[in-house]
Amino acid sequence: MSDPGMGHIQEVPEAVWLFVAKAIGAVSGSAISLAYLVPRNGREAYLRFCVGITVGMIFGTSAGWKIADYLEIGHRLSNVEIALSGGAFASLSAWWALGVISRFAQRIGSFDAATKTKGKGDQ
């Protein structure tokens, strides 16, 4: 008799495993990023999380292969492992870059506003 449970896991196509691996990597990278550099409000957290997942899903496999080639470990890893690590790296990198750029832009904006206020009082 055939078991209808998890006995036929080998029958799942590799494309499904790659998609799931990239999704897990993207979500993991976004979650780590949120914990590492805490957002200022819920909207910022939501936007960064969505950007991280999107970038991880789009660039996960490419980033994973680039890292594997750079470290010369591609022959030791499966495609699923490469997609998982690439998704996490791409997600983490995109969110971190977005967070740094956002904070930098806010500081420039506050510096510019302070400069304009200071200039008005000096005249």
N, C-alpha and C. Protein backbone atom coordinates (compact mmCIF):
# COMPACT_ATOMS: atom_id res chain seq x y z
N MET A 1 0.82 -1.19 0.00
CA MET A 1 0.00 0.00 0.00
C MET A 1 0.86 1.25 0.00
N SER A 2 0.37 2.26 -0.62
CA SER A 2 1.07 3.53 -0.73
C SER A 2 0.66 4.46 0.40
N ASP A 3 1.64 5.12 1.00
CA ASP A 3 1.38 6.08 2.07
C ASP A 3 1.11 7.45 1.46
N PRO A 4 -0.04 8.07 1.72
CA PRO A 4 -0.36 9.36 1.12
C PRO A 4 0.37 10.53 1.79
N GLY A 5 1.16 10.26 2.80
CA GLY A 5 1.85 11.33 3.54
C GLY A 5 3.08 11.84 2.83
N MET A 6 4.15 12.03 3.56
CA MET A 6 5.38 12.62 3.05
C MET A 6 6.28 11.59 2.36
N GLY A 7 5.77 10.44 2.06
CA GLY A 7 6.57 9.39 1.45
C GLY A 7 7.04 9.71 0.04
N HIS A 8 6.41 10.62 -0.63
CA HIS A 8 6.74 10.91 -2.02
C HIS A 8 7.37 12.29 -2.19
N ILE A 9 8.19 12.65 -1.27
CA ILE A 9 8.83 13.96 -1.31
C ILE A 9 9.81 14.08 -2.48
N GLN A 10 10.32 12.96 -2.97
CA GLN A 10 11.24 12.97 -4.10
C GLN A 10 10.55 13.42 -5.38
N GLU A 11 9.23 13.33 -5.44
CA GLU A 11 8.48 13.66 -6.65
C GLU A 11 8.26 15.16 -6.84
N VAL A 12 8.64 15.95 -5.86
CA VAL A 12 8.48 17.40 -5.98
C VAL A 12 9.58 17.92 -6.91
N PRO A 13 9.21 18.68 -7.93
CA PRO A 13 10.22 19.18 -8.88
C PRO A 13 11.22 20.12 -8.21
N GLU A 14 12.43 20.14 -8.76
CA GLU A 14 13.49 20.97 -8.18
C GLU A 14 13.13 22.45 -8.23
N ALA A 15 12.38 22.87 -9.22
CA ALA A 15 11.99 24.28 -9.32
C ALA A 15 11.18 24.72 -8.10
N VAL A 16 10.34 23.82 -7.59
CA VAL A 16 9.56 24.13 -6.39
C VAL A 16 10.49 24.28 -5.19
N TRP A 17 11.46 23.39 -5.06
CA TRP A 17 12.42 23.47 -3.95
C TRP A 17 13.24 24.76 -4.03
N LEU A 18 13.63 25.16 -5.24
CA LEU A 18 14.39 26.40 -5.41
C LEU A 18 13.55 27.61 -5.01
N PHE A 19 12.29 27.60 -5.41
CA PHE A 19 11.39 28.69 -5.04
C PHE A 19 11.22 28.77 -3.52
N VAL A 20 10.98 27.64 -2.90
CA VAL A 20 10.81 27.60 -1.44
C VAL A 20 12.10 28.02 -0.73
N ALA A 21 13.24 27.58 -1.23
CA ALA A 21 14.52 27.94 -0.62
C ALA A 21 14.77 29.44 -0.72
N LYS A 22 14.49 30.03 -1.89
CA LYS A 22 14.66 31.48 -2.04
C LYS A 22 13.71 32.23 -1.12
N ALA A 23 12.48 31.75 -0.99
CA ALA A 23 11.51 32.41 -0.11
C ALA A 23 11.96 32.35 1.34
N ILE A 24 12.41 31.19 1.78
CA ILE A 24 12.89 31.06 3.17
C ILE A 24 14.11 31.94 3.39
N GLY A 25 15.02 31.96 2.43
CA GLY A 25 16.20 32.81 2.54
C GLY A 25 15.84 34.28 2.57
N ALA A 26 14.92 34.70 1.72
CA ALA A 26 14.51 36.10 1.67
C ALA A 26 13.84 36.53 2.97
N VAL A 27 12.95 35.71 3.49
CA VAL A 27 12.28 36.03 4.75
C VAL A 27 13.29 36.05 5.89
N SER A 28 14.20 35.10 5.91
CA SER A 28 15.22 35.05 6.96
C SER A 28 16.12 36.28 6.90
N GLY A 29 16.57 36.65 5.72
CA GLY A 29 17.42 37.83 5.57
C GLY A 29 16.70 39.09 6.01
N SER A 30 15.43 39.23 5.65
CA SER A 30 14.66 40.40 6.07
C SER A 30 14.48 40.43 7.58
N ALA A 31 14.20 39.29 8.17
CA ALA A 31 14.01 39.23 9.62
C ALA A 31 15.30 39.56 10.37
N ILE A 32 16.41 39.04 9.90
CA ILE A 32 17.69 39.36 10.53
C ILE A 32 17.98 40.85 10.42
N SER A 33 17.68 41.43 9.26
CA SER A 33 17.91 42.85 9.05
C SER A 33 17.07 43.70 9.98
N LEU A 34 15.81 43.32 10.16
CA LEU A 34 14.94 44.07 11.06
C LEU A 34 15.44 44.01 12.49
N ALA A 35 15.98 42.88 12.88
CA ALA A 35 16.49 42.74 14.24
C ALA A 35 17.82 43.48 14.42
N TYR A 36 18.61 43.54 13.37
CA TYR A 36 19.94 44.15 13.45
C TYR A 36 19.88 45.67 13.51
N LEU A 37 19.05 46.26 12.66
CA LEU A 37 18.89 47.71 12.64
C LEU A 37 17.39 47.98 12.75
N VAL A 38 16.94 48.25 13.97
CA VAL A 38 15.51 48.36 14.27
C VAL A 38 14.91 49.57 13.55
N PRO A 39 13.79 49.36 12.84
CA PRO A 39 13.14 50.47 12.14
C PRO A 39 12.48 51.44 13.12
N ARG A 40 12.23 52.64 12.64
CA ARG A 40 11.65 53.67 13.51
C ARG A 40 10.16 53.51 13.73
N ASN A 41 9.45 52.93 12.76
CA ASN A 41 8.01 52.75 12.91
C ASN A 41 7.56 51.53 12.10
N GLY A 42 6.28 51.22 12.22
CA GLY A 42 5.74 50.04 11.55
C GLY A 42 5.76 50.14 10.04
N ARG A 43 5.53 51.33 9.51
CA ARG A 43 5.54 51.52 8.06
C ARG A 43 6.93 51.25 7.50
N GLU A 44 7.94 51.78 8.16
CA GLU A 44 9.31 51.55 7.71
C GLU A 44 9.66 50.07 7.78
N ALA A 45 9.24 49.40 8.83
CA ALA A 45 9.50 47.96 8.97
C ALA A 45 8.82 47.19 7.85
N TYR A 46 7.57 47.51 7.57
CA TYR A 46 6.82 46.82 6.52
C TYR A 46 7.48 47.01 5.16
N LEU A 47 7.83 48.25 4.84
CA LEU A 47 8.44 48.54 3.54
C LEU A 47 9.78 47.84 3.38
N ARG A 48 10.60 47.88 4.40
CA ARG A 48 11.91 47.22 4.33
C ARG A 48 11.76 45.71 4.22
N PHE A 49 10.81 45.16 4.96
CA PHE A 49 10.59 43.73 4.90
C PHE A 49 10.15 43.31 3.50
N CYS A 50 9.22 44.08 2.90
CA CYS A 50 8.75 43.76 1.54
C CYS A 50 9.86 43.92 0.51
N VAL A 51 10.67 44.96 0.64
CA VAL A 51 11.79 45.15 -0.29
C VAL A 51 12.77 43.99 -0.16
N GLY A 52 13.07 43.60 1.07
CA GLY A 52 13.99 42.48 1.29
C GLY A 52 13.50 41.19 0.67
N ILE A 53 12.23 40.89 0.85
CA ILE A 53 11.67 39.66 0.28
C ILE A 53 11.69 39.73 -1.25
N THR A 54 11.31 40.87 -1.80
CA THR A 54 11.29 41.01 -3.26
C THR A 54 12.68 40.83 -3.85
N VAL A 55 13.65 41.52 -3.29
CA VAL A 55 15.02 41.41 -3.80
C VAL A 55 15.57 40.00 -3.60
N GLY A 56 15.29 39.40 -2.46
CA GLY A 56 15.75 38.03 -2.21
C GLY A 56 15.17 37.03 -3.19
N MET A 57 13.89 37.21 -3.54
CA MET A 57 13.25 36.30 -4.49
C MET A 57 13.77 36.51 -5.91
N ILE A 58 14.03 37.76 -6.27
CA ILE A 58 14.48 38.05 -7.64
C ILE A 58 15.94 37.68 -7.84
N PHE A 59 16.79 38.09 -6.91
CA PHE A 59 18.24 37.94 -7.08
C PHE A 59 18.85 36.82 -6.25
N GLY A 60 18.04 36.03 -5.56
CA GLY A 60 18.56 35.01 -4.66
C GLY A 60 19.48 33.99 -5.31
N THR A 61 19.05 33.42 -6.40
CA THR A 61 19.85 32.39 -7.05
C THR A 61 21.13 32.98 -7.64
N SER A 62 21.01 34.14 -8.29
CA SER A 62 22.20 34.77 -8.87
C SER A 62 23.21 35.16 -7.80
N ALA A 63 22.72 35.73 -6.71
CA ALA A 63 23.62 36.11 -5.61
C ALA A 63 24.26 34.87 -4.98
N GLY A 64 23.48 33.82 -4.84
CA GLY A 64 24.02 32.58 -4.27
C GLY A 64 25.13 31.99 -5.13
N TRP A 65 24.91 31.97 -6.45
CA TRP A 65 25.95 31.44 -7.34
C TRP A 65 27.19 32.32 -7.33
N LYS A 66 26.99 33.64 -7.28
CA LYS A 66 28.14 34.56 -7.25
C LYS A 66 28.97 34.32 -5.99
N ILE A 67 28.31 34.17 -4.86
CA ILE A 67 29.02 33.91 -3.60
C ILE A 67 29.71 32.56 -3.65
N ALA A 68 29.01 31.55 -4.14
CA ALA A 68 29.60 30.21 -4.22
C ALA A 68 30.81 30.19 -5.15
N ASP A 69 30.73 30.89 -6.27
CA ASP A 69 31.87 30.97 -7.19
C ASP A 69 33.03 31.72 -6.55
N TYR A 70 32.72 32.82 -5.88
CA TYR A 70 33.77 33.62 -5.24
C TYR A 70 34.49 32.82 -4.16
N LEU A 71 33.73 32.07 -3.38
CA LEU A 71 34.32 31.25 -2.31
C LEU A 71 34.81 29.90 -2.80
N GLU A 72 34.57 29.60 -4.08
CA GLU A 72 34.96 28.34 -4.70
C GLU A 72 34.40 27.12 -3.98
N ILE A 73 33.10 27.21 -3.63
CA ILE A 73 32.43 26.11 -2.95
C ILE A 73 31.19 25.63 -3.72
N GLY A 74 31.00 26.13 -4.93
CA GLY A 74 29.82 25.78 -5.72
C GLY A 74 29.69 24.29 -5.98
N HIS A 75 30.81 23.60 -6.11
CA HIS A 75 30.77 22.16 -6.39
C HIS A 75 30.34 21.36 -5.16
N ARG A 76 30.39 21.95 -3.98
CA ARG A 76 30.02 21.24 -2.74
C ARG A 76 28.56 21.45 -2.33
N LEU A 77 27.92 22.46 -2.91
CA LEU A 77 26.57 22.83 -2.49
C LEU A 77 25.53 22.41 -3.53
N SER A 78 24.34 22.13 -3.04
CA SER A 78 23.24 21.83 -3.96
C SER A 78 22.63 23.14 -4.45
N ASN A 79 21.84 23.07 -5.50
CA ASN A 79 21.17 24.26 -6.01
C ASN A 79 20.25 24.88 -4.97
N VAL A 80 19.62 24.04 -4.16
CA VAL A 80 18.72 24.53 -3.12
C VAL A 80 19.51 25.30 -2.06
N GLU A 81 20.66 24.79 -1.65
CA GLU A 81 21.49 25.50 -0.67
C GLU A 81 21.98 26.84 -1.22
N ILE A 82 22.33 26.86 -2.48
CA ILE A 82 22.79 28.10 -3.11
C ILE A 82 21.65 29.11 -3.18
N ALA A 83 20.45 28.67 -3.53
CA ALA A 83 19.30 29.57 -3.59
C ALA A 83 18.94 30.09 -2.20
N LEU A 84 19.01 29.24 -1.20
CA LEU A 84 18.70 29.64 0.18
C LEU A 84 19.67 30.70 0.67
N SER A 85 20.96 30.43 0.53
CA SER A 85 21.96 31.40 1.01
C SER A 85 21.94 32.68 0.18
N GLY A 86 21.73 32.56 -1.11
CA GLY A 86 21.66 33.74 -1.97
C GLY A 86 20.45 34.61 -1.66
N GLY A 87 19.32 33.98 -1.40
CA GLY A 87 18.12 34.73 -1.03
C GLY A 87 18.30 35.49 0.26
N ALA A 88 18.92 34.84 1.24
CA ALA A 88 19.17 35.51 2.52
C ALA A 88 20.16 36.66 2.35
N PHE A 89 21.22 36.43 1.59
CA PHE A 89 22.23 37.47 1.39
C PHE A 89 21.65 38.66 0.62
N ALA A 90 20.94 38.40 -0.45
CA ALA A 90 20.36 39.49 -1.25
C ALA A 90 19.36 40.29 -0.43
N SER A 91 18.53 39.59 0.33
CA SER A 91 17.54 40.26 1.17
C SER A 91 18.21 41.10 2.25
N LEU A 92 19.17 40.54 2.91
CA LEU A 92 19.90 41.25 3.96
C LEU A 92 20.62 42.46 3.39
N SER A 93 21.26 42.30 2.27
CA SER A 93 22.01 43.40 1.65
C SER A 93 21.09 44.52 1.19
N ALA A 94 20.00 44.18 0.54
CA ALA A 94 19.08 45.21 0.04
C ALA A 94 18.47 45.98 1.19
N TRP A 95 18.03 45.29 2.21
CA TRP A 95 17.40 45.97 3.34
C TRP A 95 18.41 46.84 4.05
N TRP A 96 19.59 46.32 4.25
CA TRP A 96 20.62 47.08 4.96
C TRP A 96 20.98 48.32 4.16
N ALA A 97 21.16 48.19 2.87
CA ALA A 97 21.50 49.34 2.03
C ALA A 97 20.36 50.36 2.05
N LEU A 98 19.14 49.89 1.96
CA LEU A 98 17.99 50.79 2.01
C LEU A 98 17.92 51.52 3.35
N GLY A 99 18.16 50.81 4.42
CA GLY A 99 18.14 51.42 5.75
C GLY A 99 19.22 52.47 5.92
N VAL A 100 20.42 52.17 5.46
CA VAL A 100 21.53 53.12 5.57
C VAL A 100 21.26 54.35 4.72
N ILE A 101 20.80 54.15 3.49
CA ILE A 101 20.51 55.28 2.60
C ILE A 101 19.39 56.14 3.17
N SER A 102 18.37 55.50 3.73
CA SER A 102 17.25 56.23 4.32
C SER A 102 17.71 57.09 5.49
N ARG A 103 18.49 56.52 6.37
CA ARG A 103 18.97 57.28 7.53
C ARG A 103 19.90 58.42 7.09
N PHE A 104 20.74 58.16 6.11
CA PHE A 104 21.65 59.18 5.60
C PHE A 104 20.86 60.33 4.97
N ALA A 105 19.83 60.00 4.20
CA ALA A 105 18.99 61.03 3.57
C ALA A 105 18.26 61.85 4.63
N GLN A 106 17.80 61.21 5.70
CA GLN A 106 17.13 61.94 6.76
C GLN A 106 18.09 62.90 7.47
N ARG A 107 19.30 62.47 7.66
CA ARG A 107 20.28 63.34 8.31
C ARG A 107 20.62 64.53 7.41
N ILE A 108 20.75 64.29 6.12
CA ILE A 108 21.03 65.39 5.20
C ILE A 108 19.84 66.36 5.20
N GLY A 109 18.64 65.82 5.20
CA GLY A 109 17.44 66.67 5.23
C GLY A 109 17.37 67.50 6.49
N SER A 110 17.68 66.92 7.64
CA SER A 110 17.65 67.68 8.88
C SER A 110 18.79 68.68 8.93
N PHE A 111 19.93 68.33 8.35
CA PHE A 111 21.06 69.27 8.28
C PHE A 111 20.69 70.44 7.38
N ASP A 112 20.05 70.16 6.24
CA ASP A 112 19.65 71.20 5.31
C ASP A 112 18.62 72.12 5.96
N ALA A 113 17.65 71.55 6.68
CA ALA A 113 16.64 72.36 7.35
C ALA A 113 17.27 73.24 8.43
N ALA A 114 18.23 72.70 9.16
CA ALA A 114 18.91 73.47 10.20
C ALA A 114 19.73 74.60 9.59
N THR A 115 20.35 74.34 8.47
CA THR A 115 21.14 75.35 7.78
C THR A 115 20.25 76.49 7.29
N LYS A 116 19.09 76.16 6.73
CA LYS A 116 18.17 77.18 6.24
C LYS A 116 17.63 78.03 7.39
N THR A 117 17.31 77.41 8.51
CA THR A 117 16.80 78.13 9.68
C THR A 117 17.88 79.05 10.23
N LYS A 118 19.08 78.55 10.30
CA LYS A 118 20.20 79.33 10.83
C LYS A 118 20.49 80.53 9.93
N GLY A 119 20.40 80.33 8.63
CA GLY A 119 20.68 81.40 7.68
C GLY A 119 19.66 82.53 7.76
N LYS A 120 18.39 82.23 8.06
CA LYS A 120 17.34 83.25 8.14
C LYS A 120 17.55 84.18 9.33
N GLY A 121 18.01 83.66 10.41
CA GLY A 121 18.22 84.47 11.62
C GLY A 121 19.45 85.33 11.54
N ASP A 122 20.39 85.02 10.66
CA ASP A 122 21.64 85.76 10.57
C ASP A 122 21.49 87.02 9.74
N GLN A 123 20.41 87.15 8.97
CA GLN A 123 20.30 88.30 8.06
C GLN A 123 19.89 89.55 8.76
